[in-house]
Amino acid sequence: MEEQATYSGKPLKKKYIELKLTKHTLFLTEAELASLLAHDPGLWREAVKRGKAFLRKRQARDRKPPVNVSAKQQTGFLGRIRNRNTY
């Protein structure tokens, strides 16, 4: 015989995923979104691939140290003129 979970009296909270489109904003649960993506496996694969790429880019950006402003100016147009005049 299966055990039943005790009822706590509170309804379960659902977490929604917000999707902003051009003219609409959608709120879907994870199960609803998975159900929609299950109808098109190619779209599912592409979305997972794109998600991995976005996460890799974010991790690489977070690892990169901040750019030094003075070094950036030296590599610009004025930096090349100053360096040319010192020879």
PDB file of N, CA and C in Angstrom:
ATOM      1  N   MET A   1       0.835  -1.178   0.000  1.00  0.00           N
ATOM      2  CA  MET A   1       0.000   0.000   0.000  1.00  0.00           C
ATOM      3  C   MET A   1       0.883   1.245   0.000  1.00  0.00           C
ATOM      4  N   GLU A   2       0.542   2.241  -0.807  1.00  0.00           N
ATOM      5  CA  GLU A   2       1.332   3.459  -0.919  1.00  0.00           C
ATOM      6  C   GLU A   2       1.039   4.405   0.235  1.00  0.00           C
ATOM      7  N   GLU A   3       2.111   5.095   0.657  1.00  0.00           N
ATOM      8  CA  GLU A   3       1.914   6.110   1.689  1.00  0.00           C
ATOM      9  C   GLU A   3       1.510   7.406   1.020  1.00  0.00           C
ATOM     10  N   GLN A   4       0.607   8.105   1.652  1.00  0.00           N
ATOM     11  CA  GLN A   4       0.182   9.389   1.125  1.00  0.00           C
ATOM     12  C   GLN A   4       0.910  10.497   1.869  1.00  0.00           C
ATOM     13  N   ALA A   5       1.268  11.540   1.140  1.00  0.00           N
ATOM     14  CA  ALA A   5       1.909  12.690   1.766  1.00  0.00           C
ATOM     15  C   ALA A   5       0.879  13.422   2.612  1.00  0.00           C
ATOM     16  N   THR A   6       1.329  13.925   3.738  1.00  0.00           N
ATOM     17  CA  THR A   6       0.404  14.660   4.601  1.00  0.00           C
ATOM     18  C   THR A   6       0.106  16.012   3.984  1.00  0.00           C
ATOM     19  N   TYR A   7      -1.096  16.461   4.148  1.00  0.00           N
ATOM     20  CA  TYR A   7      -1.523  17.737   3.591  1.00  0.00           C
ATOM     21  C   TYR A   7      -1.169  18.837   4.573  1.00  0.00           C
ATOM     22  N   SER A   8      -0.401  19.817   4.120  1.00  0.00           N
ATOM     23  CA  SER A   8       0.032  20.892   5.010  1.00  0.00           C
ATOM     24  C   SER A   8      -0.953  22.051   5.030  1.00  0.00           C
ATOM     25  N   GLY A   9      -1.933  22.042   4.158  1.00  0.00           N
ATOM     26  CA  GLY A   9      -2.911  23.121   4.137  1.00  0.00           C
ATOM     27  C   GLY A   9      -2.535  24.263   3.211  1.00  0.00           C
ATOM     28  N   LYS A  10      -1.288  24.285   2.747  1.00  0.00           N
ATOM     29  CA  LYS A  10      -0.850  25.362   1.863  1.00  0.00           C
ATOM     30  C   LYS A  10      -0.787  24.833   0.433  1.00  0.00           C
ATOM     31  N   PRO A  11      -1.266  25.615  -0.514  1.00  0.00           N
ATOM     32  CA  PRO A  11      -1.129  25.180  -1.912  1.00  0.00           C
ATOM     33  C   PRO A  11       0.339  25.238  -2.333  1.00  0.00           C
ATOM     34  N   LEU A  12       0.727  24.344  -3.229  1.00  0.00           N
ATOM     35  CA  LEU A  12       2.097  24.333  -3.723  1.00  0.00           C
ATOM     36  C   LEU A  12       2.349  25.566  -4.577  1.00  0.00           C
ATOM     37  N   LYS A  13       3.516  26.178  -4.380  1.00  0.00           N
ATOM     38  CA  LYS A  13       3.883  27.333  -5.195  1.00  0.00           C
ATOM     39  C   LYS A  13       4.449  26.838  -6.511  1.00  0.00           C
ATOM     40  N   LYS A  14       3.991  27.418  -7.586  1.00  0.00           N
ATOM     41  CA  LYS A  14       4.531  27.082  -8.898  1.00  0.00           C
ATOM     42  C   LYS A  14       5.530  28.161  -9.287  1.00  0.00           C
ATOM     43  N   LYS A  15       6.639  27.734  -9.845  1.00  0.00           N
ATOM     44  CA  LYS A  15       7.624  28.687 -10.342  1.00  0.00           C
ATOM     45  C   LYS A  15       7.339  28.911 -11.816  1.00  0.00           C
ATOM     46  N   TYR A  16       7.271  30.154 -12.194  1.00  0.00           N
ATOM     47  CA  TYR A  16       6.969  30.500 -13.579  1.00  0.00           C
ATOM     48  C   TYR A  16       8.208  31.038 -14.273  1.00  0.00           C
ATOM     49  N   ILE A  17       8.290  30.769 -15.554  1.00  0.00           N
ATOM     50  CA  ILE A  17       9.356  31.279 -16.407  1.00  0.00           C
ATOM     51  C   ILE A  17       8.746  32.388 -17.247  1.00  0.00           C
ATOM     52  N   GLU A  18       9.367  33.563 -17.194  1.00  0.00           N
ATOM     53  CA  GLU A  18       8.851  34.711 -17.937  1.00  0.00           C
ATOM     54  C   GLU A  18       9.528  34.768 -19.302  1.00  0.00           C
ATOM     55  N   LEU A  19       8.720  34.809 -20.344  1.00  0.00           N
ATOM     56  CA  LEU A  19       9.222  34.923 -21.716  1.00  0.00           C
ATOM     57  C   LEU A  19       8.699  36.225 -22.304  1.00  0.00           C
ATOM     58  N   LYS A  20       9.609  37.142 -22.598  1.00  0.00           N
ATOM     59  CA  LYS A  20       9.200  38.424 -23.173  1.00  0.00           C
ATOM     60  C   LYS A  20       9.308  38.343 -24.688  1.00  0.00           C
ATOM     61  N   LEU A  21       8.188  38.511 -25.346  1.00  0.00           N
ATOM     62  CA  LEU A  21       8.134  38.533 -26.799  1.00  0.00           C
ATOM     63  C   LEU A  21       7.917  39.975 -27.238  1.00  0.00           C
ATOM     64  N   THR A  22       7.848  40.213 -28.533  1.00  0.00           N
ATOM     65  CA  THR A  22       7.693  41.568 -29.034  1.00  0.00           C
ATOM     66  C   THR A  22       6.424  42.231 -28.518  1.00  0.00           C
ATOM     67  N   LYS A  23       5.302  41.551 -28.623  1.00  0.00           N
ATOM     68  CA  LYS A  23       4.036  42.167 -28.233  1.00  0.00           C
ATOM     69  C   LYS A  23       3.393  41.523 -27.013  1.00  0.00           C
ATOM     70  N   HIS A  24       4.015  40.471 -26.479  1.00  0.00           N
ATOM     71  CA  HIS A  24       3.393  39.739 -25.378  1.00  0.00           C
ATOM     72  C   HIS A  24       4.445  39.330 -24.355  1.00  0.00           C
ATOM     73  N   THR A  25       4.006  39.080 -23.149  1.00  0.00           N
ATOM     74  CA  THR A  25       4.838  38.468 -22.121  1.00  0.00           C
ATOM     75  C   THR A  25       4.133  37.207 -21.659  1.00  0.00           C
ATOM     76  N   LEU A  26       4.823  36.076 -21.741  1.00  0.00           N
ATOM     77  CA  LEU A  26       4.243  34.790 -21.368  1.00  0.00           C
ATOM     78  C   LEU A  26       4.815  34.335 -20.034  1.00  0.00           C
ATOM     79  N   PHE A  27       3.996  33.654 -19.245  1.00  0.00           N
ATOM     80  CA  PHE A  27       4.442  33.027 -18.007  1.00  0.00           C
ATOM     81  C   PHE A  27       4.070  31.557 -18.083  1.00  0.00           C
ATOM     82  N   LEU A  28       5.085  30.695 -18.151  1.00  0.00           N
ATOM     83  CA  LEU A  28       4.872  29.254 -18.264  1.00  0.00           C
ATOM     84  C   LEU A  28       5.584  28.539 -17.124  1.00  0.00           C
ATOM     85  N   THR A  29       5.027  27.408 -16.713  1.00  0.00           N
ATOM     86  CA  THR A  29       5.744  26.564 -15.763  1.00  0.00           C
ATOM     87  C   THR A  29       6.778  25.760 -16.538  1.00  0.00           C
ATOM     88  N   GLU A  30       7.710  25.161 -15.817  1.00  0.00           N
ATOM     89  CA  GLU A  30       8.734  24.349 -16.476  1.00  0.00           C
ATOM     90  C   GLU A  30       8.097  23.175 -17.214  1.00  0.00           C
ATOM     91  N   ALA A  31       7.084  22.578 -16.614  1.00  0.00           N
ATOM     92  CA  ALA A  31       6.407  21.436 -17.248  1.00  0.00           C
ATOM     93  C   ALA A  31       5.712  21.863 -18.540  1.00  0.00           C
ATOM     94  N   GLU A  32       5.083  23.032 -18.531  1.00  0.00           N
ATOM     95  CA  GLU A  32       4.407  23.520 -19.737  1.00  0.00           C
ATOM     96  C   GLU A  32       5.413  23.793 -20.850  1.00  0.00           C
ATOM     97  N   LEU A  33       6.530  24.404 -20.500  1.00  0.00           N
ATOM     98  CA  LEU A  33       7.558  24.703 -21.496  1.00  0.00           C
ATOM     99  C   LEU A  33       8.168  23.411 -22.051  1.00  0.00           C
ATOM    100  N   ALA A  34       8.437  22.453 -21.181  1.00  0.00           N
ATOM    101  CA  ALA A  34       8.984  21.166 -21.628  1.00  0.00           C
ATOM    102  C   ALA A  34       8.006  20.458 -22.556  1.00  0.00           C
ATOM    103  N   SER A  35       6.718  20.555 -22.249  1.00  0.00           N
ATOM    104  CA  SER A  35       5.695  19.937 -23.092  1.00  0.00           C
ATOM    105  C   SER A  35       5.679  20.569 -24.484  1.00  0.00           C
ATOM    106  N   LEU A  36       5.795  21.883 -24.540  1.00  0.00           N
ATOM    107  CA  LEU A  36       5.823  22.568 -25.837  1.00  0.00           C
ATOM    108  C   LEU A  36       7.073  22.191 -26.633  1.00  0.00           C
ATOM    109  N   LEU A  37       8.221  22.146 -25.961  1.00  0.00           N
ATOM    110  CA  LEU A  37       9.466  21.815 -26.653  1.00  0.00           C
ATOM    111  C   LEU A  37       9.513  20.352 -27.083  1.00  0.00           C
ATOM    112  N   ALA A  38       8.784  19.479 -26.397  1.00  0.00           N
ATOM    113  CA  ALA A  38       8.773  18.053 -26.743  1.00  0.00           C
ATOM    114  C   ALA A  38       8.147  17.811 -28.112  1.00  0.00           C
ATOM    115  N   HIS A  39       7.328  18.733 -28.583  1.00  0.00           N
ATOM    116  CA  HIS A  39       6.699  18.582 -29.896  1.00  0.00           C
ATOM    117  C   HIS A  39       7.682  18.822 -31.039  1.00  0.00           C
ATOM    118  N   ASP A  40       8.808  19.486 -30.746  1.00  0.00           N
ATOM    119  CA  ASP A  40       9.805  19.769 -31.777  1.00  0.00           C
ATOM    120  C   ASP A  40      11.198  19.457 -31.222  1.00  0.00           C
ATOM    121  N   PRO A  41      11.668  18.210 -31.353  1.00  0.00           N
ATOM    122  CA  PRO A  41      12.973  17.827 -30.793  1.00  0.00           C
ATOM    123  C   PRO A  41      14.143  18.648 -31.345  1.00  0.00           C
ATOM    124  N   GLY A  42      14.056  19.080 -32.596  1.00  0.00           N
ATOM    125  CA  GLY A  42      15.115  19.904 -33.179  1.00  0.00           C
ATOM    126  C   GLY A  42      15.240  21.235 -32.462  1.00  0.00           C
ATOM    127  N   LEU A  43      14.106  21.814 -32.144  1.00  0.00           N
ATOM    128  CA  LEU A  43      14.099  23.078 -31.402  1.00  0.00           C
ATOM    129  C   LEU A  43      14.672  22.872 -30.005  1.00  0.00           C
ATOM    130  N   TRP A  44      14.325  21.748 -29.392  1.00  0.00           N
ATOM    131  CA  TRP A  44      14.849  21.417 -28.058  1.00  0.00           C
ATOM    132  C   TRP A  44      16.379  21.338 -28.102  1.00  0.00           C
ATOM    133  N   ARG A  45      16.932  20.599 -29.097  1.00  0.00           N
ATOM    134  CA  ARG A  45      18.386  20.465 -29.223  1.00  0.00           C
ATOM    135  C   ARG A  45      19.044  21.821 -29.447  1.00  0.00           C
ATOM    136  N   GLU A  46      18.451  22.637 -30.312  1.00  0.00           N
ATOM    137  CA  GLU A  46      19.008  23.963 -30.609  1.00  0.00           C
ATOM    138  C   GLU A  46      18.992  24.855 -29.370  1.00  0.00           C
ATOM    139  N   ALA A  47      17.917  24.797 -28.599  1.00  0.00           N
ATOM    140  CA  ALA A  47      17.810  25.615 -27.386  1.00  0.00           C
ATOM    141  C   ALA A  47      18.847  25.194 -26.347  1.00  0.00           C
ATOM    142  N   VAL A  48      19.066  23.891 -26.201  1.00  0.00           N
ATOM    143  CA  VAL A  48      20.070  23.401 -25.250  1.00  0.00           C
ATOM    144  C   VAL A  48      21.463  23.828 -25.701  1.00  0.00           C
ATOM    145  N   LYS A  49      21.736  23.700 -26.998  1.00  0.00           N
ATOM    146  CA  LYS A  49      23.033  24.096 -27.556  1.00  0.00           C
ATOM    147  C   LYS A  49      23.273  25.595 -27.345  1.00  0.00           C
ATOM    148  N   ARG A  50      22.259  26.394 -27.605  1.00  0.00           N
ATOM    149  CA  ARG A  50      22.355  27.840 -27.427  1.00  0.00           C
ATOM    150  C   ARG A  50      22.563  28.189 -25.949  1.00  0.00           C
ATOM    151  N   GLY A  51      21.874  27.471 -25.069  1.00  0.00           N
ATOM    152  CA  GLY A  51      22.028  27.711 -23.632  1.00  0.00           C
ATOM    153  C   GLY A  51      23.450  27.447 -23.165  1.00  0.00           C
ATOM    154  N   LYS A  52      24.056  26.370 -23.659  1.00  0.00           N
ATOM    155  CA  LYS A  52      25.435  26.056 -23.299  1.00  0.00           C
ATOM    156  C   LYS A  52      26.380  27.150 -23.783  1.00  0.00           C
ATOM    157  N   ALA A  53      26.147  27.662 -24.990  1.00  0.00           N
ATOM    158  CA  ALA A  53      27.001  28.717 -25.541  1.00  0.00           C
ATOM    159  C   ALA A  53      26.891  29.993 -24.705  1.00  0.00           C
ATOM    160  N   PHE A  54      25.675  30.360 -24.322  1.00  0.00           N
ATOM    161  CA  PHE A  54      25.487  31.552 -23.500  1.00  0.00           C
ATOM    162  C   PHE A  54      26.187  31.406 -22.149  1.00  0.00           C
ATOM    163  N   LEU A  55      26.086  30.228 -21.537  1.00  0.00           N
ATOM    164  CA  LEU A  55      26.729  30.012 -20.236  1.00  0.00           C
ATOM    165  C   LEU A  55      28.249  30.058 -20.356  1.00  0.00           C
ATOM    166  N   ARG A  56      28.810  29.466 -21.438  1.00  0.00           N
ATOM    167  CA  ARG A  56      30.262  29.523 -21.644  1.00  0.00           C
ATOM    168  C   ARG A  56      30.725  30.962 -21.818  1.00  0.00           C
ATOM    169  N   LYS A  57      29.974  31.747 -22.586  1.00  0.00           N
ATOM    170  CA  LYS A  57      30.347  33.144 -22.811  1.00  0.00           C
ATOM    171  C   LYS A  57      30.306  33.928 -21.506  1.00  0.00           C
ATOM    172  N   ARG A  58      29.285  33.699 -20.697  1.00  0.00           N
ATOM    173  CA  ARG A  58      29.155  34.399 -19.414  1.00  0.00           C
ATOM    174  C   ARG A  58      30.313  34.032 -18.484  1.00  0.00           C
ATOM    175  N   GLN A  59      30.684  32.746 -18.445  1.00  0.00           N
ATOM    176  CA  GLN A  59      31.797  32.322 -17.595  1.00  0.00           C
ATOM    177  C   GLN A  59      33.111  32.940 -18.064  1.00  0.00           C
ATOM    178  N   ALA A  60      33.330  33.008 -19.361  1.00  0.00           N
ATOM    179  CA  ALA A  60      34.553  33.604 -19.900  1.00  0.00           C
ATOM    180  C   ALA A  60      34.609  35.090 -19.571  1.00  0.00           C
ATOM    181  N   ARG A  61      33.484  35.771 -19.682  1.00  0.00           N
ATOM    182  CA  ARG A  61      33.430  37.199 -19.369  1.00  0.00           C
ATOM    183  C   ARG A  61      33.720  37.434 -17.889  1.00  0.00           C
ATOM    184  N   ASP A  62      33.204  36.572 -17.028  1.00  0.00           N
ATOM    185  CA  ASP A  62      33.425  36.726 -15.591  1.00  0.00           C
ATOM    186  C   ASP A  62      34.875  36.451 -15.203  1.00  0.00           C
ATOM    187  N   ARG A  63      35.582  35.611 -15.972  1.00  0.00           N
ATOM    188  CA  ARG A  63      36.986  35.312 -15.682  1.00  0.00           C
ATOM    189  C   ARG A  63      37.914  36.430 -16.130  1.00  0.00           C
ATOM    190  N   LYS A  64      37.503  37.203 -17.136  1.00  0.00           N
ATOM    191  CA  LYS A  64      38.364  38.220 -17.721  1.00  0.00           C
ATOM    192  C   LYS A  64      38.537  39.382 -16.737  1.00  0.00           C
ATOM    193  N   PRO A  65      39.795  39.835 -16.486  1.00  0.00           N
ATOM    194  CA  PRO A  65      40.000  40.976 -15.587  1.00  0.00           C
ATOM    195  C   PRO A  65      39.504  42.263 -16.243  1.00  0.00           C
ATOM    196  N   PRO A  66      39.155  43.275 -15.440  1.00  0.00           N
ATOM    197  CA  PRO A  66      38.685  44.538 -16.022  1.00  0.00           C
ATOM    198  C   PRO A  66      39.787  45.207 -16.843  1.00  0.00           C
ATOM    199  N   VAL A  67      39.399  45.930 -17.863  1.00  0.00           N
ATOM    200  CA  VAL A  67      40.339  46.587 -18.771  1.00  0.00           C
ATOM    201  C   VAL A  67      40.895  47.837 -18.102  1.00  0.00           C
ATOM    202  N   ASN A  68      42.208  48.008 -18.162  1.00  0.00           N
ATOM    203  CA  ASN A  68      42.871  49.189 -17.618  1.00  0.00           C
ATOM    204  C   ASN A  68      42.668  50.337 -18.603  1.00  0.00           C
ATOM    205  N   VAL A  69      42.121  51.451 -18.139  1.00  0.00           N
ATOM    206  CA  VAL A  69      41.775  52.564 -19.027  1.00  0.00           C
ATOM    207  C   VAL A  69      43.018  53.170 -19.652  1.00  0.00           C
ATOM    208  N   SER A  70      44.090  53.348 -18.887  1.00  0.00           N
ATOM    209  CA  SER A  70      45.285  53.976 -19.448  1.00  0.00           C
ATOM    210  C   SER A  70      45.917  53.092 -20.525  1.00  0.00           C
ATOM    211  N   ALA A  71      45.916  51.791 -20.333  1.00  0.00           N
ATOM    212  CA  ALA A  71      46.458  50.883 -21.345  1.00  0.00           C
ATOM    213  C   ALA A  71      45.604  50.922 -22.600  1.00  0.00           C
ATOM    214  N   LYS A  72      44.303  51.067 -22.432  1.00  0.00           N
ATOM    215  CA  LYS A  72      43.407  51.129 -23.581  1.00  0.00           C
ATOM    216  C   LYS A  72      43.682  52.394 -24.396  1.00  0.00           C
ATOM    217  N   GLN A  73      43.945  53.512 -23.725  1.00  0.00           N
ATOM    218  CA  GLN A  73      44.220  54.759 -24.435  1.00  0.00           C
ATOM    219  C   GLN A  73      45.536  54.668 -25.205  1.00  0.00           C
ATOM    220  N   GLN A  74      46.536  53.988 -24.655  1.00  0.00           N
ATOM    221  CA  GLN A  74      47.829  53.880 -25.320  1.00  0.00           C
ATOM    222  C   GLN A  74      47.745  53.067 -26.600  1.00  0.00           C
ATOM    223  N   THR A  75      46.829  52.123 -26.676  1.00  0.00           N
ATOM    224  CA  THR A  75      46.702  51.319 -27.885  1.00  0.00           C
ATOM    225  C   THR A  75      45.814  51.992 -28.915  1.00  0.00           C
ATOM    226  N   GLY A  76      45.170  53.098 -28.550  1.00  0.00           N
ATOM    227  CA  GLY A  76      44.315  53.820 -29.475  1.00  0.00           C
ATOM    228  C   GLY A  76      45.128  54.692 -30.410  1.00  0.00           C
ATOM    229  N   PHE A  77      44.467  55.569 -31.142  1.00  0.00           N
ATOM    230  CA  PHE A  77      45.102  56.430 -32.133  1.00  0.00           C
ATOM    231  C   PHE A  77      46.156  57.332 -31.497  1.00  0.00           C
ATOM    232  N   LEU A  78      45.815  57.991 -30.375  1.00  0.00           N
ATOM    233  CA  LEU A  78      46.767  58.894 -29.732  1.00  0.00           C
ATOM    234  C   LEU A  78      47.978  58.141 -29.200  1.00  0.00           C
ATOM    235  N   GLY A  79      47.792  56.945 -28.725  1.00  0.00           N
ATOM    236  CA  GLY A  79      48.906  56.141 -28.239  1.00  0.00           C
ATOM    237  C   GLY A  79      49.889  55.821 -29.349  1.00  0.00           C
ATOM    238  N   ARG A  80      49.388  55.552 -30.554  1.00  0.00           N
ATOM    239  CA  ARG A  80      50.272  55.258 -31.688  1.00  0.00           C
ATOM    240  C   ARG A  80      51.058  56.497 -32.094  1.00  0.00           C
ATOM    241  N   ILE A  81      50.423  57.681 -32.035  1.00  0.00           N
ATOM    242  CA  ILE A  81      51.130  58.916 -32.394  1.00  0.00           C
ATOM    243  C   ILE A  81      52.234  59.188 -31.381  1.00  0.00           C
ATOM    244  N   ARG A  82      51.910  59.043 -30.085  1.00  0.00           N
ATOM    245  CA  ARG A  82      52.916  59.272 -29.040  1.00  0.00           C
ATOM    246  C   ARG A  82      54.080  58.299 -29.205  1.00  0.00           C
ATOM    247  N   ASN A  83      53.782  57.042 -29.482  1.00  0.00           N
ATOM    248  CA  ASN A  83      54.842  56.044 -29.624  1.00  0.00           C
ATOM    249  C   ASN A  83      55.703  56.317 -30.858  1.00  0.00           C
ATOM    250  N   ARG A  84      55.125  56.822 -31.914  1.00  0.00           N
ATOM    251  CA  ARG A  84      55.854  57.107 -33.141  1.00  0.00           C
ATOM    252  C   ARG A  84      56.815  58.279 -32.919  1.00  0.00           C
ATOM    253  N   ASN A  85      56.405  59.264 -32.132  1.00  0.00           N
ATOM    254  CA  ASN A  85      57.238  60.442 -31.912  1.00  0.00           C
ATOM    255  C   ASN A  85      58.403  60.170 -30.968  1.00  0.00           C
ATOM    256  N   THR A  86      58.396  59.078 -30.253  1.00  0.00           N
ATOM    257  CA  THR A  86      59.487  58.793 -29.316  1.00  0.00           C
ATOM    258  C   THR A  86      60.659  58.090 -29.981  1.00  0.00           C
ATOM    259  N   TYR A  87      60.545  57.677 -31.214  1.00  0.00           N
ATOM    260  CA  TYR A  87      61.632  56.963 -31.884  1.00  0.00           C
ATOM    261  C   TYR A  87      62.715  57.887 -32.321  1.00  0.00           C
TER     262      TYR A  87
END
